[in-house]
Amino acid sequence: MATGPVADVLRTLVVNARQSGKGYERDEFGYRQTDDDGNGCDIRDDILARDLHDVRFTVAGGCVVRSGTLEDPYTGRTIAFVRGAKSSTAVQIDHVVALENAWRSGASQWNRAQRYRFGNDPLNLLAVDGPANEEKGAASAAYWLPTNAEFRCTYVALQVAVKAAYRLSVTPQEREAMAAVLRGCPNQQIPTQQTR
């Protein structure tokens, strides 16, 4: 049995085996359409600036990240990011709880403001390896976990934190997959904000 702070929160999540993706549209979440922190920066650049190191901006003191280095949490690889038409996709911004997963687990009942807040919440966003993000797609923890085993506890903790914060449900398979990971990290804490 999984124990610890994250496992305790996991047990509070509603379990729903009958989730539906009917009506899901990615645009419903307004990703990159808001500026919740009021700094005038696109959320993608905010997350790149937070998660990359050796960051360089296109203009000194500006928002737009020109280059940097990502220690990718999903694969464990080091990725040199350079902004460009053919190179930018090497680093993508992942919704840790995928937007379609959120839709299935409760967001379909939200209003637009709630969905926009979720779609742009830094707690649920990570700069990651592009191909790994594409492989994950909308999968829950029941069907996809990072190949970097050292990050799995943090990944599940983030998913549990986000699901709890937004009162989203989990499927029985999702809850069991999360609990299986958490059995290996009983002292895992619930993140309150995304820092790396």
N, C-alpha and C. Protein backbone atom coordinates (compact mmCIF):
# COMPACT_ATOMS: atom_id res chain seq x y z
N MET A 1 0.84 -1.20 0.00
CA MET A 1 0.00 0.00 0.00
C MET A 1 0.88 1.26 0.00
N ALA A 2 0.51 2.22 -0.85
CA ALA A 2 1.25 3.48 -0.91
C ALA A 2 0.96 4.31 0.32
N THR A 3 2.02 4.91 0.88
CA THR A 3 1.86 5.77 2.04
C THR A 3 2.56 7.10 1.78
N GLY A 4 2.28 8.08 2.63
CA GLY A 4 2.93 9.37 2.52
C GLY A 4 1.98 10.46 2.08
N PRO A 5 2.46 11.71 2.04
CA PRO A 5 1.61 12.86 1.74
C PRO A 5 0.87 12.78 0.40
N VAL A 6 1.57 12.37 -0.66
CA VAL A 6 0.91 12.33 -1.98
C VAL A 6 -0.12 11.20 -2.02
N ALA A 7 0.24 10.05 -1.46
CA ALA A 7 -0.70 8.92 -1.41
C ALA A 7 -1.96 9.30 -0.63
N ASP A 8 -1.78 10.07 0.45
CA ASP A 8 -2.94 10.51 1.24
C ASP A 8 -3.88 11.37 0.40
N VAL A 9 -3.30 12.28 -0.41
CA VAL A 9 -4.13 13.13 -1.26
C VAL A 9 -4.76 12.30 -2.39
N LEU A 10 -4.00 11.36 -2.93
CA LEU A 10 -4.54 10.49 -3.98
C LEU A 10 -5.81 9.80 -3.51
N ARG A 11 -5.82 9.37 -2.27
CA ARG A 11 -7.00 8.66 -1.74
C ARG A 11 -8.23 9.56 -1.62
N THR A 12 -8.03 10.89 -1.67
CA THR A 12 -9.18 11.80 -1.58
C THR A 12 -9.82 12.07 -2.95
N LEU A 13 -9.14 11.68 -4.03
CA LEU A 13 -9.68 11.97 -5.37
C LEU A 13 -10.86 11.07 -5.69
N VAL A 14 -11.84 11.65 -6.34
CA VAL A 14 -13.01 10.88 -6.79
C VAL A 14 -12.57 9.90 -7.87
N VAL A 15 -13.05 8.67 -7.76
CA VAL A 15 -12.76 7.64 -8.77
C VAL A 15 -13.97 7.52 -9.69
N ASN A 16 -13.71 7.64 -10.98
CA ASN A 16 -14.79 7.59 -11.97
C ASN A 16 -14.35 6.74 -13.15
N ALA A 17 -14.96 5.59 -13.31
CA ALA A 17 -14.60 4.68 -14.40
C ALA A 17 -15.30 5.03 -15.71
N ARG A 18 -16.23 5.98 -15.66
CA ARG A 18 -17.04 6.26 -16.85
C ARG A 18 -16.77 7.67 -17.38
N GLN A 19 -15.53 7.95 -17.63
CA GLN A 19 -15.17 9.26 -18.16
C GLN A 19 -15.42 9.31 -19.66
N SER A 20 -15.80 10.50 -20.13
CA SER A 20 -16.08 10.67 -21.56
C SER A 20 -15.31 11.85 -22.13
N GLY A 21 -14.77 11.66 -23.32
CA GLY A 21 -14.07 12.74 -24.01
C GLY A 21 -14.96 13.49 -24.98
N LYS A 22 -16.25 13.21 -24.95
CA LYS A 22 -17.18 13.83 -25.90
C LYS A 22 -17.13 15.35 -25.81
N GLY A 23 -16.97 16.00 -26.96
CA GLY A 23 -16.96 17.45 -27.02
C GLY A 23 -15.61 18.10 -26.78
N TYR A 24 -14.57 17.30 -26.53
CA TYR A 24 -13.26 17.88 -26.23
C TYR A 24 -12.69 18.63 -27.42
N GLU A 25 -12.22 19.84 -27.16
CA GLU A 25 -11.47 20.64 -28.13
C GLU A 25 -10.33 21.30 -27.37
N ARG A 26 -9.11 21.14 -27.84
CA ARG A 26 -7.95 21.73 -27.16
C ARG A 26 -8.11 23.23 -26.95
N ASP A 27 -8.69 23.91 -27.94
CA ASP A 27 -8.83 25.36 -27.88
C ASP A 27 -9.71 25.82 -26.71
N GLU A 28 -10.52 24.91 -26.17
CA GLU A 28 -11.39 25.25 -25.03
C GLU A 28 -10.58 25.71 -23.82
N PHE A 29 -9.28 25.36 -23.77
CA PHE A 29 -8.46 25.67 -22.61
C PHE A 29 -7.61 26.93 -22.78
N GLY A 30 -7.69 27.56 -23.95
CA GLY A 30 -7.04 28.85 -24.15
C GLY A 30 -5.55 28.88 -23.86
N TYR A 31 -4.86 27.77 -24.14
CA TYR A 31 -3.41 27.75 -23.88
C TYR A 31 -2.72 28.88 -24.63
N ARG A 32 -1.93 29.66 -23.90
CA ARG A 32 -1.17 30.79 -24.41
C ARG A 32 -2.07 31.98 -24.76
N GLN A 33 -3.30 31.99 -24.26
CA GLN A 33 -4.23 33.10 -24.54
C GLN A 33 -4.34 34.06 -23.37
N THR A 34 -3.71 33.74 -22.23
CA THR A 34 -3.84 34.58 -21.05
C THR A 34 -2.45 34.98 -20.55
N ASP A 35 -2.44 35.93 -19.63
CA ASP A 35 -1.19 36.37 -18.97
C ASP A 35 -1.53 36.54 -17.49
N ASP A 36 -1.71 35.41 -16.81
CA ASP A 36 -2.22 35.44 -15.44
C ASP A 36 -1.29 36.15 -14.47
N ASP A 37 0.02 36.12 -14.72
CA ASP A 37 0.93 36.79 -13.79
C ASP A 37 1.19 38.25 -14.19
N GLY A 38 0.60 38.68 -15.31
CA GLY A 38 0.65 40.07 -15.70
C GLY A 38 2.03 40.59 -16.09
N ASN A 39 2.95 39.67 -16.46
CA ASN A 39 4.30 40.13 -16.79
C ASN A 39 4.48 40.44 -18.28
N GLY A 40 3.40 40.28 -19.05
CA GLY A 40 3.46 40.58 -20.47
C GLY A 40 4.11 39.51 -21.33
N CYS A 41 4.43 38.35 -20.70
CA CYS A 41 5.12 37.28 -21.41
C CYS A 41 4.16 36.14 -21.75
N ASP A 42 4.40 35.49 -22.87
CA ASP A 42 3.69 34.29 -23.26
C ASP A 42 4.02 33.18 -22.25
N ILE A 43 3.04 32.36 -21.88
CA ILE A 43 3.27 31.31 -20.88
C ILE A 43 4.34 30.32 -21.34
N ARG A 44 4.45 30.07 -22.65
CA ARG A 44 5.51 29.18 -23.13
C ARG A 44 6.88 29.74 -22.76
N ASP A 45 7.07 31.03 -23.00
CA ASP A 45 8.36 31.64 -22.66
C ASP A 45 8.57 31.68 -21.15
N ASP A 46 7.50 31.91 -20.39
CA ASP A 46 7.62 31.86 -18.92
C ASP A 46 8.15 30.51 -18.46
N ILE A 47 7.61 29.43 -19.04
CA ILE A 47 8.00 28.08 -18.62
C ILE A 47 9.40 27.74 -19.12
N LEU A 48 9.74 28.15 -20.34
CA LEU A 48 11.10 27.94 -20.83
C LEU A 48 12.10 28.66 -19.93
N ALA A 49 11.80 29.91 -19.56
CA ALA A 49 12.71 30.68 -18.70
C ALA A 49 12.84 30.03 -17.33
N ARG A 50 11.77 29.41 -16.84
CA ARG A 50 11.80 28.75 -15.53
C ARG A 50 12.56 27.43 -15.58
N ASP A 51 12.35 26.63 -16.62
CA ASP A 51 12.84 25.25 -16.63
C ASP A 51 14.20 25.06 -17.30
N LEU A 52 14.59 25.96 -18.18
CA LEU A 52 15.90 25.84 -18.82
C LEU A 52 16.96 26.56 -17.98
N HIS A 53 18.20 26.20 -18.19
CA HIS A 53 19.28 26.99 -17.60
C HIS A 53 20.15 27.54 -18.73
N ASP A 54 21.04 28.46 -18.39
CA ASP A 54 21.82 29.20 -19.39
C ASP A 54 20.91 29.85 -20.42
N VAL A 55 19.81 30.44 -19.93
CA VAL A 55 18.80 31.03 -20.82
C VAL A 55 19.30 32.34 -21.41
N ARG A 56 19.07 32.49 -22.70
CA ARG A 56 19.35 33.75 -23.39
C ARG A 56 18.05 34.20 -24.06
N PHE A 57 17.80 35.48 -23.97
CA PHE A 57 16.58 36.05 -24.54
C PHE A 57 16.91 36.75 -25.85
N THR A 58 15.90 36.91 -26.71
CA THR A 58 16.13 37.57 -27.99
C THR A 58 16.48 39.04 -27.79
N VAL A 59 15.92 39.62 -26.72
CA VAL A 59 16.22 41.01 -26.35
C VAL A 59 16.53 41.04 -24.87
N ALA A 60 17.62 41.68 -24.48
CA ALA A 60 17.98 41.76 -23.06
C ALA A 60 16.82 42.35 -22.27
N GLY A 61 16.44 41.67 -21.19
CA GLY A 61 15.34 42.13 -20.35
C GLY A 61 13.97 41.80 -20.92
N GLY A 62 13.95 41.08 -22.05
CA GLY A 62 12.68 40.74 -22.68
C GLY A 62 12.14 39.40 -22.21
N CYS A 63 11.12 38.92 -22.93
CA CYS A 63 10.43 37.69 -22.57
C CYS A 63 10.84 36.49 -23.42
N VAL A 64 11.11 36.74 -24.67
CA VAL A 64 11.22 35.65 -25.64
C VAL A 64 12.56 34.92 -25.47
N VAL A 65 12.47 33.63 -25.16
CA VAL A 65 13.67 32.83 -24.94
C VAL A 65 14.27 32.44 -26.29
N ARG A 66 15.53 32.83 -26.49
CA ARG A 66 16.22 32.51 -27.74
C ARG A 66 16.89 31.14 -27.67
N SER A 67 17.51 30.85 -26.50
CA SER A 67 18.21 29.58 -26.36
C SER A 67 18.38 29.24 -24.89
N GLY A 68 18.75 28.01 -24.64
CA GLY A 68 18.99 27.54 -23.28
C GLY A 68 19.21 26.05 -23.29
N THR A 69 19.42 25.49 -22.12
CA THR A 69 19.67 24.06 -21.99
C THR A 69 18.63 23.45 -21.08
N LEU A 70 18.02 22.36 -21.54
CA LEU A 70 17.02 21.64 -20.75
C LEU A 70 17.59 20.32 -20.26
N GLU A 71 17.53 20.11 -18.97
CA GLU A 71 17.77 18.78 -18.40
C GLU A 71 16.40 18.13 -18.39
N ASP A 72 16.11 17.37 -19.43
CA ASP A 72 14.74 16.88 -19.63
C ASP A 72 14.31 15.92 -18.53
N PRO A 73 13.22 16.24 -17.82
CA PRO A 73 12.78 15.37 -16.74
C PRO A 73 12.22 14.04 -17.24
N TYR A 74 11.66 14.02 -18.44
CA TYR A 74 10.99 12.81 -18.93
C TYR A 74 11.96 11.74 -19.41
N THR A 75 13.07 12.15 -20.04
CA THR A 75 14.00 11.18 -20.61
C THR A 75 15.35 11.16 -19.90
N GLY A 76 15.65 12.23 -19.15
CA GLY A 76 16.97 12.34 -18.53
C GLY A 76 18.03 12.90 -19.47
N ARG A 77 17.64 13.22 -20.71
CA ARG A 77 18.58 13.75 -21.69
C ARG A 77 18.83 15.24 -21.47
N THR A 78 19.97 15.71 -21.94
CA THR A 78 20.27 17.15 -21.97
C THR A 78 19.99 17.63 -23.39
N ILE A 79 19.16 18.66 -23.50
CA ILE A 79 18.74 19.15 -24.81
C ILE A 79 19.12 20.62 -24.95
N ALA A 80 19.84 20.93 -26.02
CA ALA A 80 20.18 22.33 -26.33
C ALA A 80 19.01 22.92 -27.11
N PHE A 81 18.33 23.88 -26.50
CA PHE A 81 17.19 24.53 -27.14
C PHE A 81 17.65 25.77 -27.90
N VAL A 82 17.23 25.86 -29.15
CA VAL A 82 17.46 27.06 -29.96
C VAL A 82 16.16 27.38 -30.66
N ARG A 83 15.66 28.61 -30.45
CA ARG A 83 14.40 29.00 -31.10
C ARG A 83 14.58 29.04 -32.61
N GLY A 84 13.63 28.47 -33.33
CA GLY A 84 13.69 28.49 -34.78
C GLY A 84 12.55 27.66 -35.35
N ALA A 85 12.23 27.91 -36.61
CA ALA A 85 11.09 27.23 -37.25
C ALA A 85 11.24 25.71 -37.21
N LYS A 86 12.47 25.22 -37.33
CA LYS A 86 12.68 23.78 -37.36
C LYS A 86 13.22 23.22 -36.05
N SER A 87 13.67 24.10 -35.15
CA SER A 87 14.33 23.61 -33.93
C SER A 87 13.50 23.77 -32.66
N SER A 88 12.53 24.66 -32.64
CA SER A 88 11.79 24.95 -31.41
C SER A 88 11.05 23.74 -30.86
N THR A 89 10.59 22.85 -31.74
CA THR A 89 9.79 21.70 -31.27
C THR A 89 10.61 20.67 -30.52
N ALA A 90 11.94 20.82 -30.50
CA ALA A 90 12.77 19.89 -29.72
C ALA A 90 12.42 19.96 -28.24
N VAL A 91 11.97 21.14 -27.80
CA VAL A 91 11.49 21.33 -26.43
C VAL A 91 10.05 21.81 -26.52
N GLN A 92 9.16 21.05 -25.90
CA GLN A 92 7.74 21.41 -25.89
C GLN A 92 7.29 21.63 -24.46
N ILE A 93 6.15 22.32 -24.31
CA ILE A 93 5.58 22.53 -22.99
C ILE A 93 4.44 21.52 -22.81
N ASP A 94 4.62 20.65 -21.84
CA ASP A 94 3.62 19.60 -21.59
C ASP A 94 2.67 20.02 -20.48
N HIS A 95 1.38 19.74 -20.70
CA HIS A 95 0.41 19.78 -19.60
C HIS A 95 0.55 18.44 -18.87
N VAL A 96 1.06 18.47 -17.65
CA VAL A 96 1.34 17.24 -16.91
C VAL A 96 0.05 16.40 -16.80
N VAL A 97 -1.03 17.02 -16.39
CA VAL A 97 -2.35 16.41 -16.58
C VAL A 97 -2.83 16.92 -17.92
N ALA A 98 -2.85 16.04 -18.90
CA ALA A 98 -3.17 16.43 -20.28
C ALA A 98 -4.55 17.10 -20.35
N LEU A 99 -4.71 18.02 -21.28
CA LEU A 99 -5.96 18.75 -21.40
C LEU A 99 -7.14 17.81 -21.66
N GLU A 100 -6.94 16.82 -22.51
CA GLU A 100 -8.04 15.89 -22.78
C GLU A 100 -8.34 15.05 -21.54
N ASN A 101 -7.30 14.67 -20.78
CA ASN A 101 -7.52 13.94 -19.53
C ASN A 101 -8.33 14.81 -18.57
N ALA A 102 -7.99 16.08 -18.49
CA ALA A 102 -8.74 16.99 -17.62
C ALA A 102 -10.19 17.10 -18.05
N TRP A 103 -10.40 17.19 -19.36
CA TRP A 103 -11.76 17.28 -19.91
C TRP A 103 -12.58 16.05 -19.48
N ARG A 104 -11.97 14.88 -19.63
CA ARG A 104 -12.65 13.63 -19.28
C ARG A 104 -12.94 13.53 -17.79
N SER A 105 -12.07 14.14 -16.99
CA SER A 105 -12.19 13.94 -15.54
C SER A 105 -12.83 15.11 -14.80
N GLY A 106 -13.51 15.98 -15.56
CA GLY A 106 -14.29 17.02 -14.89
C GLY A 106 -14.31 18.38 -15.56
N ALA A 107 -13.30 18.70 -16.38
CA ALA A 107 -13.22 20.04 -16.95
C ALA A 107 -14.31 20.32 -17.98
N SER A 108 -14.96 19.27 -18.48
CA SER A 108 -16.05 19.48 -19.43
C SER A 108 -17.21 20.25 -18.78
N GLN A 109 -17.27 20.24 -17.45
CA GLN A 109 -18.34 20.92 -16.71
C GLN A 109 -17.95 22.34 -16.30
N TRP A 110 -16.72 22.74 -16.58
CA TRP A 110 -16.26 24.06 -16.14
C TRP A 110 -16.71 25.16 -17.09
N ASN A 111 -16.61 26.40 -16.59
CA ASN A 111 -16.81 27.54 -17.48
C ASN A 111 -15.48 27.89 -18.15
N ARG A 112 -15.53 28.83 -19.07
CA ARG A 112 -14.34 29.17 -19.85
C ARG A 112 -13.21 29.69 -18.97
N ALA A 113 -13.53 30.52 -17.99
CA ALA A 113 -12.49 31.09 -17.13
C ALA A 113 -11.75 30.00 -16.38
N GLN A 114 -12.46 29.00 -15.89
CA GLN A 114 -11.82 27.88 -15.18
C GLN A 114 -10.91 27.09 -16.12
N ARG A 115 -11.39 26.83 -17.34
CA ARG A 115 -10.59 26.07 -18.29
C ARG A 115 -9.34 26.85 -18.70
N TYR A 116 -9.48 28.15 -18.90
CA TYR A 116 -8.32 28.97 -19.27
C TYR A 116 -7.30 29.00 -18.13
N ARG A 117 -7.78 29.06 -16.89
CA ARG A 117 -6.85 29.05 -15.75
C ARG A 117 -6.08 27.74 -15.72
N PHE A 118 -6.79 26.64 -15.93
CA PHE A 118 -6.14 25.33 -15.94
C PHE A 118 -5.14 25.22 -17.10
N GLY A 119 -5.54 25.65 -18.27
CA GLY A 119 -4.70 25.52 -19.46
C GLY A 119 -3.40 26.30 -19.39
N ASN A 120 -3.34 27.29 -18.49
CA ASN A 120 -2.17 28.15 -18.38
C ASN A 120 -1.55 28.15 -16.98
N ASP A 121 -1.87 27.15 -16.19
CA ASP A 121 -1.39 27.07 -14.81
C ASP A 121 0.04 26.52 -14.78
N PRO A 122 1.01 27.30 -14.31
CA PRO A 122 2.40 26.83 -14.27
C PRO A 122 2.59 25.54 -13.46
N LEU A 123 1.72 25.28 -12.49
CA LEU A 123 1.82 24.03 -11.72
C LEU A 123 1.69 22.81 -12.63
N ASN A 124 0.93 22.96 -13.71
CA ASN A 124 0.63 21.85 -14.59
C ASN A 124 1.45 21.88 -15.89
N LEU A 125 2.46 22.75 -15.95
CA LEU A 125 3.24 22.90 -17.18
C LEU A 125 4.71 22.58 -16.93
N LEU A 126 5.31 21.85 -17.88
CA LEU A 126 6.72 21.48 -17.80
C LEU A 126 7.35 21.57 -19.19
N ALA A 127 8.55 22.12 -19.26
CA ALA A 127 9.33 22.06 -20.50
C ALA A 127 9.94 20.67 -20.58
N VAL A 128 9.69 19.98 -21.70
CA VAL A 128 10.13 18.59 -21.83
C VAL A 128 10.58 18.29 -23.26
N ASP A 129 11.20 17.14 -23.42
CA ASP A 129 11.60 16.61 -24.72
C ASP A 129 10.38 16.51 -25.64
N GLY A 130 10.47 17.12 -26.81
CA GLY A 130 9.34 17.13 -27.74
C GLY A 130 8.81 15.75 -28.10
N PRO A 131 9.68 14.82 -28.56
CA PRO A 131 9.17 13.49 -28.90
C PRO A 131 8.54 12.76 -27.72
N ALA A 132 9.06 12.93 -26.52
CA ALA A 132 8.46 12.28 -25.35
C ALA A 132 7.07 12.84 -25.09
N ASN A 133 6.91 14.14 -25.26
CA ASN A 133 5.61 14.77 -25.07
C ASN A 133 4.61 14.25 -26.10
N GLU A 134 5.06 14.12 -27.34
CA GLU A 134 4.17 13.61 -28.39
C GLU A 134 3.80 12.15 -28.14
N GLU A 135 4.75 11.38 -27.64
CA GLU A 135 4.47 9.98 -27.30
C GLU A 135 3.42 9.88 -26.20
N LYS A 136 3.52 10.75 -25.22
CA LYS A 136 2.56 10.74 -24.11
C LYS A 136 1.16 11.08 -24.59
N GLY A 137 1.04 12.11 -25.42
CA GLY A 137 -0.27 12.53 -25.90
C GLY A 137 -1.18 12.89 -24.74
N ALA A 138 -2.38 12.32 -24.73
CA ALA A 138 -3.35 12.60 -23.66
C ALA A 138 -3.40 11.49 -22.63
N ALA A 139 -2.39 10.62 -22.63
CA ALA A 139 -2.41 9.45 -21.75
C ALA A 139 -2.34 9.82 -20.27
N SER A 140 -3.06 9.06 -19.47
CA SER A 140 -2.97 9.19 -18.02
C SER A 140 -1.80 8.34 -17.53
N ALA A 141 -1.56 8.38 -16.23
CA ALA A 141 -0.47 7.59 -15.64
C ALA A 141 -0.70 6.09 -15.83
N ALA A 142 -1.93 5.70 -16.13
CA ALA A 142 -2.22 4.27 -16.35
C ALA A 142 -1.58 3.78 -17.65
N TYR A 143 -1.29 4.70 -18.57
CA TYR A 143 -0.81 4.30 -19.90
C TYR A 143 0.53 4.90 -20.28
N TRP A 144 1.01 5.87 -19.50
CA TRP A 144 2.29 6.49 -19.83
C TRP A 144 2.95 7.04 -18.58
N LEU A 145 4.24 6.73 -18.44
CA LEU A 145 5.08 7.31 -17.40
C LEU A 145 6.40 7.70 -18.03
N PRO A 146 7.11 8.69 -17.49
CA PRO A 146 8.40 9.06 -18.06
C PRO A 146 9.38 7.89 -18.08
N THR A 147 10.17 7.78 -19.13
CA THR A 147 11.19 6.72 -19.17
C THR A 147 12.27 6.97 -18.12
N ASN A 148 12.44 8.22 -17.71
CA ASN A 148 13.37 8.56 -16.64
C ASN A 148 12.74 8.18 -15.30
N ALA A 149 13.08 6.99 -14.81
CA ALA A 149 12.45 6.46 -13.60
C ALA A 149 12.64 7.37 -12.40
N GLU A 150 13.74 8.12 -12.35
CA GLU A 150 14.01 9.00 -11.22
C GLU A 150 13.01 10.14 -11.11
N PHE A 151 12.32 10.43 -12.20
CA PHE A 151 11.36 11.54 -12.18
C PHE A 151 9.93 11.08 -11.94
N ARG A 152 9.69 9.79 -11.94
CA ARG A 152 8.31 9.30 -11.87
C ARG A 152 7.58 9.72 -10.59
N CYS A 153 8.26 9.72 -9.46
CA CYS A 153 7.61 10.12 -8.21
C CYS A 153 7.16 11.58 -8.29
N THR A 154 8.03 12.44 -8.79
CA THR A 154 7.69 13.86 -8.93
C THR A 154 6.56 14.04 -9.94
N TYR A 155 6.62 13.29 -11.04
CA TYR A 155 5.58 13.36 -12.07
C TYR A 155 4.21 13.01 -11.51
N VAL A 156 4.14 11.90 -10.78
CA VAL A 156 2.87 11.48 -10.20
C VAL A 156 2.42 12.48 -9.13
N ALA A 157 3.37 12.98 -8.34
CA ALA A 157 3.03 13.99 -7.33
C ALA A 157 2.41 15.23 -7.97
N LEU A 158 2.98 15.66 -9.10
CA LEU A 158 2.42 16.80 -9.82
C LEU A 158 1.01 16.50 -10.31
N GLN A 159 0.81 15.31 -10.89
CA GLN A 159 -0.52 14.96 -11.37
C GLN A 159 -1.53 14.94 -10.23
N VAL A 160 -1.16 14.36 -9.11
CA VAL A 160 -2.07 14.29 -7.96
C VAL A 160 -2.37 15.70 -7.45
N ALA A 161 -1.34 16.55 -7.37
CA ALA A 161 -1.53 17.92 -6.89
C ALA A 161 -2.50 18.68 -7.79
N VAL A 162 -2.31 18.54 -9.10
CA VAL A 162 -3.17 19.25 -10.06
C VAL A 162 -4.60 18.70 -9.99
N LYS A 163 -4.73 17.39 -9.96
CA LYS A 163 -6.09 16.81 -9.90
C LYS A 163 -6.81 17.23 -8.62
N ALA A 164 -6.07 17.28 -7.51
CA ALA A 164 -6.69 17.70 -6.25
C ALA A 164 -7.06 19.18 -6.29
N ALA A 165 -6.17 20.01 -6.81
CA ALA A 165 -6.42 21.46 -6.85
C ALA A 165 -7.64 21.79 -7.69
N TYR A 166 -7.87 21.02 -8.75
CA TYR A 166 -8.98 21.30 -9.66
C TYR A 166 -10.15 20.32 -9.49
N ARG A 167 -10.08 19.50 -8.46
CA ARG A 167 -11.15 18.53 -8.15
C ARG A 167 -11.49 17.65 -9.36
N LEU A 168 -10.44 17.14 -9.99
CA LEU A 168 -10.61 16.23 -11.12
C LEU A 168 -10.58 14.79 -10.63
N SER A 169 -11.29 13.94 -11.33
CA SER A 169 -11.37 12.53 -10.94
C SER A 169 -10.22 11.73 -11.56
N VAL A 170 -10.09 10.50 -11.12
CA VAL A 170 -9.16 9.53 -11.70
C VAL A 170 -9.95 8.27 -12.04
N THR A 171 -9.47 7.52 -13.01
CA THR A 171 -10.06 6.20 -13.28
C THR A 171 -9.46 5.21 -12.28
N PRO A 172 -10.08 4.05 -12.09
CA PRO A 172 -9.49 3.04 -11.20
C PRO A 172 -8.08 2.65 -11.64
N GLN A 173 -7.86 2.51 -12.96
CA GLN A 173 -6.54 2.13 -13.48
C GLN A 173 -5.51 3.22 -13.23
N GLU A 174 -5.93 4.47 -13.38
CA GLU A 174 -5.06 5.61 -13.16
C GLU A 174 -4.64 5.67 -11.69
N ARG A 175 -5.61 5.52 -10.81
CA ARG A 175 -5.30 5.55 -9.37
C ARG A 175 -4.33 4.44 -9.00
N GLU A 176 -4.53 3.24 -9.54
CA GLU A 176 -3.64 2.11 -9.21
C GLU A 176 -2.23 2.35 -9.75
N ALA A 177 -2.13 2.90 -10.97
CA ALA A 177 -0.81 3.19 -11.54
C ALA A 177 -0.08 4.24 -10.71
N MET A 178 -0.80 5.26 -10.27
CA MET A 178 -0.20 6.28 -9.42
C MET A 178 0.26 5.69 -8.08
N ALA A 179 -0.60 4.89 -7.48
CA ALA A 179 -0.27 4.27 -6.20
C ALA A 179 0.95 3.36 -6.33
N ALA A 180 1.06 2.65 -7.46
CA ALA A 180 2.20 1.76 -7.67
C ALA A 180 3.50 2.55 -7.69
N VAL A 181 3.49 3.71 -8.33
CA VAL A 181 4.69 4.56 -8.34
C VAL A 181 4.98 5.07 -6.93
N LEU A 182 3.94 5.52 -6.24
CA LEU A 182 4.13 6.12 -4.92
C LEU A 182 4.60 5.14 -3.87
N ARG A 183 4.39 3.87 -4.09
CA ARG A 183 4.92 2.88 -3.14
C ARG A 183 6.44 2.94 -3.05
N GLY A 184 7.07 3.45 -4.09
CA GLY A 184 8.53 3.58 -4.10
C GLY A 184 9.04 4.89 -3.54
N CYS A 185 8.14 5.80 -3.15
CA CYS A 185 8.58 7.11 -2.64
C CYS A 185 7.61 7.61 -1.57
N PRO A 186 7.59 6.94 -0.41
CA PRO A 186 6.62 7.27 0.63
C PRO A 186 6.77 8.67 1.23
N ASN A 187 7.91 9.31 1.05
CA ASN A 187 8.10 10.66 1.60
C ASN A 187 7.84 11.76 0.58
N GLN A 188 7.32 11.40 -0.59
CA GLN A 188 7.07 12.39 -1.64
C GLN A 188 6.08 13.44 -1.14
N GLN A 189 6.44 14.70 -1.32
CA GLN A 189 5.60 15.81 -0.87
C GLN A 189 4.72 16.30 -2.04
N ILE A 190 3.59 16.90 -1.69
CA ILE A 190 2.71 17.51 -2.68
C ILE A 190 3.29 18.87 -3.08
N PRO A 191 3.57 19.07 -4.35
CA PRO A 191 4.08 20.37 -4.78
C PRO A 191 2.98 21.43 -4.74
N THR A 192 3.33 22.64 -4.32
CA THR A 192 2.35 23.72 -4.28
C THR A 192 2.58 24.70 -5.42
N GLN A 193 3.79 24.71 -5.94
CA GLN A 193 4.07 25.48 -7.14
C GLN A 193 5.18 24.76 -7.90
N GLN A 194 5.31 25.06 -9.16
CA GLN A 194 6.24 24.33 -9.99
C GLN A 194 7.61 24.98 -9.94
N THR A 195 8.56 24.33 -9.27
CA THR A 195 9.94 24.80 -9.29
C THR A 195 10.82 23.60 -9.58
N ARG A 196 11.97 23.87 -10.25
CA ARG A 196 12.86 22.76 -10.58
C ARG A 196 14.27 23.12 -10.22
